[in-house]
PDB file of all heavy atoms in Angstrom:
ATOM      1  N   ALA A   1       0.807  -1.226  -0.035  1.00  0.00           N
ATOM      2  CA  ALA A   1       0.045   0.013  -0.027  1.00  0.00           C
ATOM      3  C   ALA A   1       0.845   1.253  -0.022  1.00  0.00           C
ATOM      4  O   ALA A   1       0.415   2.296  -0.506  1.00  0.00           O
ATOM      5  CB  ALA A   1      -0.953  -0.028   1.212  1.00  0.00           C
ATOM      6  N   GLU A   2       2.089   1.207   0.565  1.00  0.00           N
ATOM      7  CA  GLU A   2       2.969   2.384   0.645  1.00  0.00           C
ATOM      8  C   GLU A   2       3.901   2.502  -0.525  1.00  0.00           C
ATOM      9  O   GLU A   2       4.812   3.324  -0.529  1.00  0.00           O
ATOM     10  CB  GLU A   2       3.739   2.314   1.955  1.00  0.00           C
ATOM     11  CG  GLU A   2       2.871   2.209   3.251  1.00  0.00           C
ATOM     12  CD  GLU A   2       1.923   3.413   3.380  1.00  0.00           C
ATOM     13  OE1 GLU A   2       2.368   4.585   3.056  1.00  0.00           O
ATOM     14  OE2 GLU A   2       0.783   3.221   3.768  1.00  0.00           O
ATOM     15  N   SER A   3       3.763   1.599  -1.508  1.00  0.00           N
ATOM     16  CA  SER A   3       4.727   1.560  -2.614  1.00  0.00           C
ATOM     17  C   SER A   3       4.564   2.813  -3.473  1.00  0.00           C
ATOM     18  O   SER A   3       3.468   3.234  -3.837  1.00  0.00           O
ATOM     19  CB  SER A   3       4.483   0.332  -3.492  1.00  0.00           C
ATOM     20  OG  SER A   3       5.300   0.383  -4.654  1.00  0.00           O
ATOM     21  N   PRO A   4       5.646   3.446  -3.864  1.00  0.00           N
ATOM     22  CA  PRO A   4       5.597   4.567  -4.785  1.00  0.00           C
ATOM     23  C   PRO A   4       5.077   4.268  -6.196  1.00  0.00           C
ATOM     24  O   PRO A   4       4.754   5.117  -6.948  1.00  0.00           O
ATOM     25  CB  PRO A   4       7.087   5.078  -4.862  1.00  0.00           C
ATOM     26  CG  PRO A   4       7.857   3.887  -4.458  1.00  0.00           C
ATOM     27  CD  PRO A   4       7.092   3.124  -3.453  1.00  0.00           C
ATOM     28  N   LEU A   5       4.971   2.937  -6.462  1.00  0.00           N
ATOM     29  CA  LEU A   5       4.435   2.572  -7.764  1.00  0.00           C
ATOM     30  C   LEU A   5       2.969   2.648  -7.876  1.00  0.00           C
ATOM     31  O   LEU A   5       2.376   2.617  -8.956  1.00  0.00           O
ATOM     32  CB  LEU A   5       4.898   1.088  -8.068  1.00  0.00           C
ATOM     33  CG  LEU A   5       6.397   0.765  -8.030  1.00  0.00           C
ATOM     34  CD1 LEU A   5       6.634  -0.748  -8.404  1.00  0.00           C
ATOM     35  CD2 LEU A   5       7.126   1.638  -8.951  1.00  0.00           C
ATOM     36  N   VAL A   6       2.233   2.674  -6.702  1.00  0.00           N
ATOM     37  CA  VAL A   6       0.744   2.634  -6.742  1.00  0.00           C
ATOM     38  C   VAL A   6       0.217   3.894  -7.382  1.00  0.00           C
ATOM     39  O   VAL A   6       0.659   5.020  -7.180  1.00  0.00           O
ATOM     40  CB  VAL A   6       0.272   2.644  -5.261  1.00  0.00           C
ATOM     41  CG1 VAL A   6      -1.322   2.806  -5.241  1.00  0.00           C
ATOM     42  CG2 VAL A   6       0.624   1.283  -4.604  1.00  0.00           C
ATOM     43  N   GLY A   7      -0.748   3.585  -8.326  1.00  0.00           N
ATOM     44  CA  GLY A   7      -1.391   4.694  -9.022  1.00  0.00           C
ATOM     45  C   GLY A   7      -0.646   5.311 -10.166  1.00  0.00           C
ATOM     46  O   GLY A   7      -1.108   6.218 -10.861  1.00  0.00           O
ATOM     47  N   ARG A   8       0.540   4.756 -10.492  1.00  0.00           N
ATOM     48  CA  ARG A   8       1.353   5.215 -11.589  1.00  0.00           C
ATOM     49  C   ARG A   8       1.675   4.048 -12.538  1.00  0.00           C
ATOM     50  O   ARG A   8       1.692   2.893 -12.129  1.00  0.00           O
ATOM     51  CB  ARG A   8       2.660   5.778 -11.052  1.00  0.00           C
ATOM     52  CG  ARG A   8       2.439   7.033 -10.143  1.00  0.00           C
ATOM     53  CD  ARG A   8       3.708   7.369  -9.354  1.00  0.00           C
ATOM     54  NE  ARG A   8       4.800   7.666 -10.227  1.00  0.00           N
ATOM     55  CZ  ARG A   8       5.072   8.923 -10.712  1.00  0.00           C
ATOM     56  NH1 ARG A   8       4.227   9.931 -10.402  1.00  0.00           N
ATOM     57  NH2 ARG A   8       6.153   9.173 -11.436  1.00  0.00           N
ATOM     58  N   THR A   9       1.952   4.459 -13.779  1.00  0.00           N
ATOM     59  CA  THR A   9       2.239   3.494 -14.821  1.00  0.00           C
ATOM     60  C   THR A   9       3.750   3.165 -14.748  1.00  0.00           C
ATOM     61  O   THR A   9       4.504   3.948 -14.136  1.00  0.00           O
ATOM     62  CB  THR A   9       1.866   3.945 -16.237  1.00  0.00           C
ATOM     63  OG1 THR A   9       2.681   5.112 -16.516  1.00  0.00           O
ATOM     64  CG2 THR A   9       0.449   4.311 -16.308  1.00  0.00           C
ATOM     65  N   ILE A  10       4.114   2.201 -15.451  1.00  0.00           N
ATOM     66  CA  ILE A  10       5.600   1.801 -15.481  1.00  0.00           C
ATOM     67  C   ILE A  10       6.341   2.898 -16.180  1.00  0.00           C
ATOM     68  O   ILE A  10       7.461   3.234 -15.793  1.00  0.00           O
ATOM     69  CB  ILE A  10       5.760   0.435 -16.227  1.00  0.00           C
ATOM     70  CG1 ILE A  10       5.064  -0.681 -15.451  1.00  0.00           C
ATOM     71  CG2 ILE A  10       7.262   0.183 -16.376  1.00  0.00           C
ATOM     72  CD1 ILE A  10       5.499  -0.787 -14.050  1.00  0.00           C
ATOM     73  N   SER A  11       5.740   3.522 -17.215  1.00  0.00           N
ATOM     74  CA  SER A  11       6.446   4.617 -17.925  1.00  0.00           C
ATOM     75  C   SER A  11       6.633   5.794 -16.952  1.00  0.00           C
ATOM     76  O   SER A  11       7.721   6.421 -16.932  1.00  0.00           O
ATOM     77  CB  SER A  11       5.590   5.028 -19.129  1.00  0.00           C
ATOM     78  OG  SER A  11       5.413   3.968 -20.032  1.00  0.00           O
ATOM     79  N   GLN A  12       5.635   6.093 -16.183  1.00  0.00           N
ATOM     80  CA  GLN A  12       5.742   7.235 -15.253  1.00  0.00           C
ATOM     81  C   GLN A  12       6.771   6.946 -14.145  1.00  0.00           C
ATOM     82  O   GLN A  12       7.480   7.838 -13.697  1.00  0.00           O
ATOM     83  CB  GLN A  12       4.374   7.511 -14.654  1.00  0.00           C
ATOM     84  CG  GLN A  12       3.351   8.108 -15.609  1.00  0.00           C
ATOM     85  CD  GLN A  12       2.011   8.242 -15.035  1.00  0.00           C
ATOM     86  OE1 GLN A  12       1.616   7.449 -14.124  1.00  0.00           O
ATOM     87  NE2 GLN A  12       1.163   9.119 -15.552  1.00  0.00           N
ATOM     88  N   ASN A  13       6.835   5.680 -13.775  1.00  0.00           N
ATOM     89  CA  ASN A  13       7.754   5.338 -12.657  1.00  0.00           C
ATOM     90  C   ASN A  13       9.248   5.171 -13.178  1.00  0.00           C
ATOM     91  O   ASN A  13      10.108   5.102 -12.406  1.00  0.00           O
ATOM     92  CB  ASN A  13       7.349   4.027 -11.957  1.00  0.00           C
ATOM     93  CG  ASN A  13       6.232   4.263 -10.985  1.00  0.00           C
ATOM     94  OD1 ASN A  13       6.406   4.971 -10.013  1.00  0.00           O
ATOM     95  ND2 ASN A  13       5.090   3.577 -11.204  1.00  0.00           N
ATOM     96  N   GLN A  14       9.410   5.074 -14.526  1.00  0.00           N
ATOM     97  CA  GLN A  14      10.693   4.842 -15.121  1.00  0.00           C
ATOM     98  C   GLN A  14      11.372   3.689 -14.430  1.00  0.00           C
ATOM     99  O   GLN A  14      12.513   3.799 -13.956  1.00  0.00           O
ATOM    100  CB  GLN A  14      11.542   6.115 -15.074  1.00  0.00           C
ATOM    101  CG  GLN A  14      10.954   7.288 -15.869  1.00  0.00           C
ATOM    102  CD  GLN A  14      11.899   8.468 -15.870  1.00  0.00           C
ATOM    103  OE1 GLN A  14      12.529   8.785 -14.899  1.00  0.00           O
ATOM    104  NE2 GLN A  14      12.079   9.114 -17.051  1.00  0.00           N
ATOM    105  N   LEU A  15      10.734   2.560 -14.337  1.00  0.00           N
ATOM    106  CA  LEU A  15      11.104   1.433 -13.595  1.00  0.00           C
ATOM    107  C   LEU A  15      12.547   0.900 -14.032  1.00  0.00           C
ATOM    108  O   LEU A  15      13.384   0.588 -13.297  1.00  0.00           O
ATOM    109  CB  LEU A  15      10.116   0.309 -13.666  1.00  0.00           C
ATOM    110  CG  LEU A  15      10.124  -0.791 -12.602  1.00  0.00           C
ATOM    111  CD1 LEU A  15       9.920  -0.149 -11.278  1.00  0.00           C
ATOM    112  CD2 LEU A  15       9.097  -1.839 -12.926  1.00  0.00           C
ATOM    113  N   PHE A  16      12.708   0.862 -15.406  1.00  0.00           N
ATOM    114  CA  PHE A  16      13.973   0.357 -15.938  1.00  0.00           C
ATOM    115  C   PHE A  16      15.114   1.441 -15.764  1.00  0.00           C
ATOM    116  O   PHE A  16      16.201   1.057 -15.281  1.00  0.00           O
ATOM    117  CB  PHE A  16      13.792  -0.026 -17.461  1.00  0.00           C
ATOM    118  CG  PHE A  16      15.049  -0.594 -17.994  1.00  0.00           C
ATOM    119  CD1 PHE A  16      15.327  -1.947 -17.761  1.00  0.00           C
ATOM    120  CD2 PHE A  16      15.902   0.117 -18.773  1.00  0.00           C
ATOM    121  CE1 PHE A  16      16.539  -2.511 -18.313  1.00  0.00           C
ATOM    122  CE2 PHE A  16      17.093  -0.433 -19.301  1.00  0.00           C
ATOM    123  CZ  PHE A  16      17.343  -1.768 -19.028  1.00  0.00           C
ATOM    124  N   ASN A  17      14.815   2.650 -16.170  1.00  0.00           N
ATOM    125  CA  ASN A  17      15.867   3.702 -16.055  1.00  0.00           C
ATOM    126  C   ASN A  17      16.373   3.973 -14.649  1.00  0.00           C
ATOM    127  O   ASN A  17      17.522   4.158 -14.443  1.00  0.00           O
ATOM    128  CB  ASN A  17      15.345   4.991 -16.705  1.00  0.00           C
ATOM    129  CG  ASN A  17      15.099   4.831 -18.212  1.00  0.00           C
ATOM    130  OD1 ASN A  17      15.722   3.960 -18.847  1.00  0.00           O
ATOM    131  ND2 ASN A  17      14.225   5.618 -18.735  1.00  0.00           N
ATOM    132  N   ARG A  18      15.429   3.920 -13.690  1.00  0.00           N
ATOM    133  CA  ARG A  18      15.805   4.247 -12.365  1.00  0.00           C
ATOM    134  C   ARG A  18      16.204   3.036 -11.513  1.00  0.00           C
ATOM    135  O   ARG A  18      17.051   3.135 -10.645  1.00  0.00           O
ATOM    136  CB  ARG A  18      14.563   4.952 -11.682  1.00  0.00           C
ATOM    137  CG  ARG A  18      14.252   6.300 -12.244  1.00  0.00           C
ATOM    138  CD  ARG A  18      13.020   6.950 -11.598  1.00  0.00           C
ATOM    139  NE  ARG A  18      13.237   7.189 -10.219  1.00  0.00           N
ATOM    140  CZ  ARG A  18      12.207   7.630  -9.396  1.00  0.00           C
ATOM    141  NH1 ARG A  18      11.058   7.836  -9.923  1.00  0.00           N
ATOM    142  NH2 ARG A  18      12.463   7.818  -8.111  1.00  0.00           N
ATOM    143  N   TYR A  19      15.610   1.904 -11.758  1.00  0.00           N
ATOM    144  CA  TYR A  19      15.833   0.732 -10.928  1.00  0.00           C
ATOM    145  C   TYR A  19      16.372  -0.462 -11.559  1.00  0.00           C
ATOM    146  O   TYR A  19      16.690  -1.461 -10.973  1.00  0.00           O
ATOM    147  CB  TYR A  19      14.525   0.354 -10.196  1.00  0.00           C
ATOM    148  CG  TYR A  19      13.900   1.444  -9.368  1.00  0.00           C
ATOM    149  CD1 TYR A  19      12.812   2.135  -9.914  1.00  0.00           C
ATOM    150  CD2 TYR A  19      14.376   1.844  -8.116  1.00  0.00           C
ATOM    151  CE1 TYR A  19      12.206   3.211  -9.142  1.00  0.00           C
ATOM    152  CE2 TYR A  19      13.863   2.832  -7.409  1.00  0.00           C
ATOM    153  CZ  TYR A  19      12.753   3.512  -7.878  1.00  0.00           C
ATOM    154  OH  TYR A  19      12.155   4.500  -7.215  1.00  0.00           O
ATOM    155  N   GLU A  20      16.575  -0.430 -12.933  1.00  0.00           N
ATOM    156  CA  GLU A  20      17.052  -1.524 -13.684  1.00  0.00           C
ATOM    157  C   GLU A  20      16.188  -2.764 -13.541  1.00  0.00           C
ATOM    158  O   GLU A  20      16.582  -3.875 -13.381  1.00  0.00           O
ATOM    159  CB  GLU A  20      18.529  -1.887 -13.299  1.00  0.00           C
ATOM    160  CG  GLU A  20      19.610  -0.954 -13.813  1.00  0.00           C
ATOM    161  CD  GLU A  20      19.881  -1.232 -15.324  1.00  0.00           C
ATOM    162  OE1 GLU A  20      20.066  -2.411 -15.659  1.00  0.00           O
ATOM    163  OE2 GLU A  20      20.133  -0.267 -16.033  1.00  0.00           O
ATOM    164  N   LEU A  21      14.828  -2.497 -13.529  1.00  0.00           N
ATOM    165  CA  LEU A  21      13.855  -3.601 -13.434  1.00  0.00           C
ATOM    166  C   LEU A  21      12.926  -3.553 -14.647  1.00  0.00           C
ATOM    167  O   LEU A  21      12.564  -2.497 -15.191  1.00  0.00           O
ATOM    168  CB  LEU A  21      13.013  -3.434 -12.176  1.00  0.00           C
ATOM    169  CG  LEU A  21      13.724  -3.648 -10.796  1.00  0.00           C
ATOM    170  CD1 LEU A  21      12.735  -3.423  -9.727  1.00  0.00           C
ATOM    171  CD2 LEU A  21      14.324  -5.048 -10.692  1.00  0.00           C
ATOM    172  N   ASN A  22      12.594  -4.740 -15.110  1.00  0.00           N
ATOM    173  CA  ASN A  22      11.622  -4.871 -16.149  1.00  0.00           C
ATOM    174  C   ASN A  22      10.321  -5.565 -15.542  1.00  0.00           C
ATOM    175  O   ASN A  22      10.398  -6.521 -14.844  1.00  0.00           O
ATOM    176  CB  ASN A  22      12.113  -5.829 -17.272  1.00  0.00           C
ATOM    177  CG  ASN A  22      13.043  -5.122 -18.238  1.00  0.00           C
ATOM    178  OD1 ASN A  22      12.876  -3.873 -18.460  1.00  0.00           O
ATOM    179  ND2 ASN A  22      13.997  -5.823 -18.763  1.00  0.00           N
ATOM    180  N   LEU A  23       9.233  -4.969 -15.920  1.00  0.00           N
ATOM    181  CA  LEU A  23       7.916  -5.635 -15.531  1.00  0.00           C
ATOM    182  C   LEU A  23       7.520  -6.525 -16.613  1.00  0.00           C
ATOM    183  O   LEU A  23       7.319  -6.167 -17.748  1.00  0.00           O
ATOM    184  CB  LEU A  23       6.870  -4.483 -15.347  1.00  0.00           C
ATOM    185  CG  LEU A  23       5.457  -5.039 -14.984  1.00  0.00           C
ATOM    186  CD1 LEU A  23       5.457  -5.644 -13.562  1.00  0.00           C
ATOM    187  CD2 LEU A  23       4.386  -3.940 -15.117  1.00  0.00           C
ATOM    188  N   LEU A  24       7.400  -7.858 -16.245  1.00  0.00           N
ATOM    189  CA  LEU A  24       7.076  -8.841 -17.198  1.00  0.00           C
ATOM    190  C   LEU A  24       5.636  -9.287 -17.220  1.00  0.00           C
ATOM    191  O   LEU A  24       5.130  -9.722 -18.223  1.00  0.00           O
ATOM    192  CB  LEU A  24       7.964 -10.078 -17.014  1.00  0.00           C
ATOM    193  CG  LEU A  24       9.443  -9.877 -17.104  1.00  0.00           C
ATOM    194  CD1 LEU A  24      10.198 -11.211 -16.920  1.00  0.00           C
ATOM    195  CD2 LEU A  24       9.865  -9.216 -18.432  1.00  0.00           C
ATOM    196  N   ALA A  25       5.027  -9.233 -16.022  1.00  0.00           N
ATOM    197  CA  ALA A  25       3.595  -9.705 -15.945  1.00  0.00           C
ATOM    198  C   ALA A  25       2.953  -9.087 -14.721  1.00  0.00           C
ATOM    199  O   ALA A  25       3.615  -8.756 -13.724  1.00  0.00           O
ATOM    200  CB  ALA A  25       3.574 -11.218 -15.901  1.00  0.00           C
ATOM    201  N   VAL A  26       1.557  -8.954 -14.784  1.00  0.00           N
ATOM    202  CA  VAL A  26       0.814  -8.429 -13.656  1.00  0.00           C
ATOM    203  C   VAL A  26      -0.401  -9.345 -13.419  1.00  0.00           C
ATOM    204  O   VAL A  26      -1.033  -9.839 -14.412  1.00  0.00           O
ATOM    205  CB  VAL A  26       0.300  -7.005 -14.016  1.00  0.00           C
ATOM    206  CG1 VAL A  26      -0.571  -6.458 -12.826  1.00  0.00           C
ATOM    207  CG2 VAL A  26       1.415  -6.058 -14.320  1.00  0.00           C
ATOM    208  N   SER A  27      -0.744  -9.565 -12.164  1.00  0.00           N
ATOM    209  CA  SER A  27      -1.930 -10.282 -11.813  1.00  0.00           C
ATOM    210  C   SER A  27      -2.729  -9.415 -10.864  1.00  0.00           C
ATOM    211  O   SER A  27      -2.139  -8.983  -9.874  1.00  0.00           O
ATOM    212  CB  SER A  27      -1.564 -11.653 -11.128  1.00  0.00           C
ATOM    213  OG  SER A  27      -2.705 -12.276 -10.604  1.00  0.00           O
ATOM    214  N   ARG A  28      -3.982  -9.240 -11.188  1.00  0.00           N
ATOM    215  CA  ARG A  28      -4.908  -8.428 -10.385  1.00  0.00           C
ATOM    216  C   ARG A  28      -6.110  -9.179  -9.953  1.00  0.00           C
ATOM    217  O   ARG A  28      -6.869  -9.638 -10.888  1.00  0.00           O
ATOM    218  CB  ARG A  28      -5.224  -7.176 -11.092  1.00  0.00           C
ATOM    219  CG  ARG A  28      -6.170  -6.196 -10.289  1.00  0.00           C
ATOM    220  CD  ARG A  28      -6.320  -4.911 -11.013  1.00  0.00           C
ATOM    221  NE  ARG A  28      -4.989  -4.204 -11.018  1.00  0.00           N
ATOM    222  CZ  ARG A  28      -4.685  -3.127 -11.831  1.00  0.00           C
ATOM    223  NH1 ARG A  28      -5.630  -2.680 -12.708  1.00  0.00           N
ATOM    224  NH2 ARG A  28      -3.533  -2.537 -11.714  1.00  0.00           N
ATOM    225  N   ARG A  29      -6.277  -9.426  -8.727  1.00  0.00           N
ATOM    226  CA  ARG A  29      -7.438 -10.189  -8.234  1.00  0.00           C
ATOM    227  C   ARG A  29      -8.761  -9.575  -8.648  1.00  0.00           C
ATOM    228  O   ARG A  29      -8.989  -8.374  -8.399  1.00  0.00           O
ATOM    229  CB  ARG A  29      -7.407 -10.407  -6.746  1.00  0.00           C
ATOM    230  CG  ARG A  29      -8.482 -11.308  -6.192  1.00  0.00           C
ATOM    231  CD  ARG A  29      -8.292 -11.619  -4.758  1.00  0.00           C
ATOM    232  NE  ARG A  29      -7.089 -12.434  -4.541  1.00  0.00           N
ATOM    233  CZ  ARG A  29      -7.024 -13.784  -4.669  1.00  0.00           C
ATOM    234  NH1 ARG A  29      -8.125 -14.398  -5.019  1.00  0.00           N
ATOM    235  NH2 ARG A  29      -5.931 -14.415  -4.457  1.00  0.00           N
ATOM    236  N   GLY A  30      -9.599 -10.401  -9.232  1.00  0.00           N
ATOM    237  CA  GLY A  30     -10.950  -9.936  -9.546  1.00  0.00           C
ATOM    238  C   GLY A  30     -11.084  -9.145 -10.849  1.00  0.00           C
ATOM    239  O   GLY A  30     -12.215  -8.802 -11.186  1.00  0.00           O
TER     240      GLY A  30
END
């Protein structure tokens, strides 16, 4: 719940450029 990723897209978070992470898949209950 406290993650800075909440409410933002991967592009907005610059996940790869800032953290060297790739998002490969997402699972959302319901």
